[in-house]
Amino acid sequence: MEALVIIGLLAVSVAATIAFALKAQRTAGWLLVPYFAWVSYAKTLNAGILALNP
């Protein structure tokens, strides 16, 4: 359960980093989007594993 919370916080921090990077330099912000997608996918996998293993 705690890993899911940590990954959720990571996703929030990556989203905030993307928002700040887009203001500074658009290319840098867009280069972080695949990382956000990967973190979101990892969060989904973690939630699925948590749901299957009570």
C-alpha atoms as a PDB file:
ATOM      1  CA  MET A   1       0.000   0.000   0.000  1.00  0.00           C
ATOM      2  CA  GLU A   2       2.753   2.432   0.882  1.00  0.00           C
ATOM      3  CA  ALA A   3       4.449   1.899  -2.487  1.00  0.00           C
ATOM      4  CA  LEU A   4       1.253   3.035  -4.212  1.00  0.00           C
ATOM      5  CA  VAL A   5       1.255   6.224  -2.141  1.00  0.00           C
ATOM      6  CA  ILE A   6       4.914   6.854  -2.958  1.00  0.00           C
ATOM      7  CA  ILE A   7       4.320   6.350  -6.688  1.00  0.00           C
ATOM      8  CA  GLY A   8       1.315   8.682  -6.477  1.00  0.00           C
ATOM      9  CA  LEU A   9       3.489  11.363  -4.875  1.00  0.00           C
ATOM     10  CA  LEU A  10       6.114  10.782  -7.553  1.00  0.00           C
ATOM     11  CA  ALA A  11       3.483  11.300 -10.260  1.00  0.00           C
ATOM     12  CA  VAL A  12       2.404  14.568  -8.642  1.00  0.00           C
ATOM     13  CA  SER A  13       5.987  15.802  -8.395  1.00  0.00           C
ATOM     14  CA  VAL A  14       6.711  14.865 -12.022  1.00  0.00           C
ATOM     15  CA  ALA A  15       3.569  16.706 -13.134  1.00  0.00           C
ATOM     16  CA  ALA A  16       4.689  19.783 -11.188  1.00  0.00           C
ATOM     17  CA  THR A  17       8.152  19.529 -12.722  1.00  0.00           C
ATOM     18  CA  ILE A  18       6.595  19.359 -16.185  1.00  0.00           C
ATOM     19  CA  ALA A  19       4.497  22.454 -15.458  1.00  0.00           C
ATOM     20  CA  PHE A  20       7.537  24.436 -14.331  1.00  0.00           C
ATOM     21  CA  ALA A  21       9.690  23.149 -17.196  1.00  0.00           C
ATOM     22  CA  LEU A  22       7.073  24.109 -19.767  1.00  0.00           C
ATOM     23  CA  LYS A  23       7.215  27.677 -18.503  1.00  0.00           C
ATOM     24  CA  ALA A  24      11.015  27.746 -18.624  1.00  0.00           C
ATOM     25  CA  GLN A  25      11.586  25.846 -21.861  1.00  0.00           C
ATOM     26  CA  ARG A  26       8.872  24.018 -23.773  1.00  0.00           C
ATOM     27  CA  THR A  27      11.189  21.326 -25.130  1.00  0.00           C
ATOM     28  CA  ALA A  28      12.340  20.363 -21.640  1.00  0.00           C
ATOM     29  CA  GLY A  29       8.740  20.062 -20.477  1.00  0.00           C
ATOM     30  CA  TRP A  30       7.706  17.891 -23.393  1.00  0.00           C
ATOM     31  CA  LEU A  31      10.709  15.623 -22.896  1.00  0.00           C
ATOM     32  CA  LEU A  32       9.417  14.825 -19.394  1.00  0.00           C
ATOM     33  CA  VAL A  33       5.990  13.685 -20.621  1.00  0.00           C
ATOM     34  CA  PRO A  34       7.105  10.085 -21.452  1.00  0.00           C
ATOM     35  CA  TYR A  35       8.503   9.797 -17.918  1.00  0.00           C
ATOM     36  CA  PHE A  36       5.151  10.885 -16.519  1.00  0.00           C
ATOM     37  CA  ALA A  37       3.433   8.291 -18.703  1.00  0.00           C
ATOM     38  CA  TRP A  38       5.790   5.594 -17.437  1.00  0.00           C
ATOM     39  CA  VAL A  39       5.225   6.572 -13.790  1.00  0.00           C
ATOM     40  CA  SER A  40       1.460   6.521 -14.372  1.00  0.00           C
ATOM     41  CA  TYR A  41       1.721   3.069 -15.935  1.00  0.00           C
ATOM     42  CA  ALA A  42       3.796   1.839 -12.987  1.00  0.00           C
ATOM     43  CA  LYS A  43       1.169   3.228 -10.620  1.00  0.00           C
ATOM     44  CA  THR A  44      -1.545   1.331 -12.484  1.00  0.00           C
ATOM     45  CA  LEU A  45       0.460  -1.899 -12.365  1.00  0.00           C
ATOM     46  CA  ASN A  46       1.103  -1.442  -8.658  1.00  0.00           C
ATOM     47  CA  ALA A  47      -2.597  -0.849  -7.978  1.00  0.00           C
ATOM     48  CA  GLY A  48      -3.489  -3.955  -9.998  1.00  0.00           C
ATOM     49  CA  ILE A  49      -1.045  -6.113  -8.081  1.00  0.00           C
ATOM     50  CA  LEU A  50      -2.336  -4.695  -4.813  1.00  0.00           C
ATOM     51  CA  ALA A  51      -5.919  -5.508  -5.828  1.00  0.00           C
ATOM     52  CA  LEU A  52      -5.039  -9.082  -6.808  1.00  0.00           C
ATOM     53  CA  ASN A  53      -3.067  -9.811  -3.624  1.00  0.00           C
ATOM     54  CA  PRO A  54      -5.203  -8.850  -0.625  1.00  0.00           C
END
